[in-house]
C-alpha atoms as a PDB file:
ATOM      1  CA  MET A   1       9.100  18.202  29.037  1.00  0.00           C
ATOM      2  CA  GLY A   2       9.900  18.268  32.732  1.00  0.00           C
ATOM      3  CA  LYS A   3       7.313  18.327  35.487  1.00  0.00           C
ATOM      4  CA  GLY A   4       8.055  21.934  36.389  1.00  0.00           C
ATOM      5  CA  TRP A   5       7.651  23.220  32.829  1.00  0.00           C
ATOM      6  CA  TYR A   6       4.520  21.135  32.368  1.00  0.00           C
ATOM      7  CA  TRP A   7       2.773  22.524  35.445  1.00  0.00           C
ATOM      8  CA  LEU A   8       3.913  26.077  34.659  1.00  0.00           C
ATOM      9  CA  SER A   9       2.492  25.883  31.146  1.00  0.00           C
ATOM     10  CA  VAL A  10      -0.789  24.339  32.348  1.00  0.00           C
ATOM     11  CA  PHE A  11      -1.100  27.020  35.031  1.00  0.00           C
ATOM     12  CA  LEU A  12      -0.415  29.886  32.609  1.00  0.00           C
ATOM     13  CA  GLY A  13      -2.790  28.440  30.009  1.00  0.00           C
ATOM     14  CA  ALA A  14      -5.540  28.046  32.592  1.00  0.00           C
ATOM     15  CA  LEU A  15      -4.907  31.570  33.880  1.00  0.00           C
ATOM     16  CA  PHE A  16      -5.321  33.085  30.417  1.00  0.00           C
ATOM     17  CA  LEU A  17      -8.417  30.979  29.745  1.00  0.00           C
ATOM     18  CA  ILE A  18     -10.014  32.107  33.001  1.00  0.00           C
ATOM     19  CA  GLN A  19      -9.248  35.716  32.137  1.00  0.00           C
ATOM     20  CA  TYR A  20     -10.829  35.508  28.688  1.00  0.00           C
ATOM     21  CA  TRP A  21     -13.847  33.472  29.876  1.00  0.00           C
ATOM     22  CA  LEU A  22     -14.503  36.138  32.501  1.00  0.00           C
ATOM     23  CA  GLU A  23     -14.132  38.860  29.887  1.00  0.00           C
ATOM     24  CA  PHE A  24     -16.643  37.081  27.664  1.00  0.00           C
ATOM     25  CA  LEU A  25     -19.128  36.507  30.486  1.00  0.00           C
ATOM     26  CA  LEU A  26     -18.911  40.075  31.798  1.00  0.00           C
ATOM     27  CA  ASN A  27     -19.384  41.561  28.321  1.00  0.00           C
ATOM     28  CA  LEU A  28     -22.294  39.217  27.680  1.00  0.00           C
ATOM     29  CA  LYS A  29     -23.919  40.153  30.981  1.00  0.00           C
ATOM     30  CA  SER A  30     -23.536  43.884  30.313  1.00  0.00           C
ATOM     31  CA  GLY A  31     -24.883  43.507  26.763  1.00  0.00           C
ATOM     32  CA  ASN A  32     -21.697  44.805  25.164  1.00  0.00           C
ATOM     33  CA  VAL A  33     -21.517  42.734  21.971  1.00  0.00           C
ATOM     34  CA  ALA A  34     -18.624  44.784  20.578  1.00  0.00           C
ATOM     35  CA  GLY A  35     -16.454  43.395  23.365  1.00  0.00           C
ATOM     36  CA  TYR A  36     -13.202  45.258  23.015  1.00  0.00           C
ATOM     37  CA  GLN A  37     -10.934  46.858  20.435  1.00  0.00           C
ATOM     38  CA  ASN A  38      -7.880  45.086  19.141  1.00  0.00           C
ATOM     39  CA  TYR A  39      -4.475  46.633  18.440  1.00  0.00           C
ATOM     40  CA  TRP A  40      -5.664  48.284  15.208  1.00  0.00           C
ATOM     41  CA  GLY A  41      -8.780  49.790  16.804  1.00  0.00           C
ATOM     42  CA  VAL A  42     -11.235  47.334  15.265  1.00  0.00           C
ATOM     43  CA  ASP A  43     -14.087  46.094  17.436  1.00  0.00           C
ATOM     44  CA  VAL A  44     -13.859  42.408  18.287  1.00  0.00           C
ATOM     45  CA  GLY A  45     -17.204  40.852  19.079  1.00  0.00           C
ATOM     46  CA  ILE A  46     -17.817  38.566  22.005  1.00  0.00           C
ATOM     47  CA  TYR A  47     -19.198  35.858  19.736  1.00  0.00           C
ATOM     48  CA  LEU A  48     -15.873  35.604  17.930  1.00  0.00           C
ATOM     49  CA  LEU A  49     -14.244  35.406  21.349  1.00  0.00           C
ATOM     50  CA  LEU A  50     -16.693  32.633  22.275  1.00  0.00           C
ATOM     51  CA  ALA A  51     -15.768  30.647  19.153  1.00  0.00           C
ATOM     52  CA  VAL A  52     -12.079  30.934  19.993  1.00  0.00           C
ATOM     53  CA  LEU A  53     -12.688  29.959  23.624  1.00  0.00           C
ATOM     54  CA  LEU A  54     -14.771  26.939  22.640  1.00  0.00           C
ATOM     55  CA  THR A  55     -11.865  25.785  20.480  1.00  0.00           C
ATOM     56  CA  ILE A  56      -8.974  26.576  22.810  1.00  0.00           C
ATOM     57  CA  THR A  57     -10.477  25.246  26.068  1.00  0.00           C
ATOM     58  CA  PRO A  58     -10.842  21.594  24.970  1.00  0.00           C
ATOM     59  CA  THR A  59      -7.463  21.847  23.251  1.00  0.00           C
ATOM     60  CA  LEU A  60      -5.816  22.859  26.516  1.00  0.00           C
ATOM     61  CA  PHE A  61      -7.453  19.954  28.344  1.00  0.00           C
ATOM     62  CA  TYR A  62      -6.435  17.515  25.590  1.00  0.00           C
ATOM     63  CA  PHE A  63      -2.789  18.552  25.583  1.00  0.00           C
ATOM     64  CA  ALA A  64      -2.680  18.694  29.380  1.00  0.00           C
ATOM     65  CA  TRP A  65      -3.893  15.076  29.432  1.00  0.00           C
ATOM     66  CA  LYS A  66      -1.657  13.952  26.561  1.00  0.00           C
ATOM     67  CA  TYR A  67       1.572  15.383  27.968  1.00  0.00           C
ATOM     68  CA  PHE A  68       0.900  14.631  31.644  1.00  0.00           C
ATOM     69  CA  PRO A  69       4.251  13.581  33.133  1.00  0.00           C
ATOM     70  CA  ARG A  70       4.184   9.849  33.799  1.00  0.00           C
ATOM     71  CA  PRO A  71       6.852   7.870  35.605  1.00  0.00           C
ATOM     72  CA  THR A  72       9.232   6.190  33.207  1.00  0.00           C
ATOM     73  CA  LYS A  73      10.156   2.942  34.885  1.00  0.00           C
ATOM     74  CA  LYS A  74      12.067   0.679  32.554  1.00  0.00           C
ATOM     75  CA  ILE A  75      11.256  -3.020  32.749  1.00  0.00           C
ATOM     76  CA  THR A  76      14.213  -5.347  32.631  1.00  0.00           C
ATOM     77  CA  ARG A  77      14.299  -9.066  31.892  1.00  0.00           C
ATOM     78  CA  ASP A  78      14.597  -9.864  35.603  1.00  0.00           C
ATOM     79  CA  GLU A  79      11.319  -8.097  36.448  1.00  0.00           C
ATOM     80  CA  SER A  80       9.160  -9.694  33.761  1.00  0.00           C
END
């Protein structure tokens, strides 16, 4: 993965996480435990959203660390 694609994916992932964390916090503050309705009109609770966020957030940090672009300098016999 190139540097540009890496930073774009980390930025977009962080942007979506910020959006959903804010949605969770605002619904929690207002006392709205139903949260929002999904595509089929079913209420999705904020505690289910919290469980997903607590799983996805560390996963994003792990993969951002694991796939961080590092320089690939090849060592030759003359340099060792």
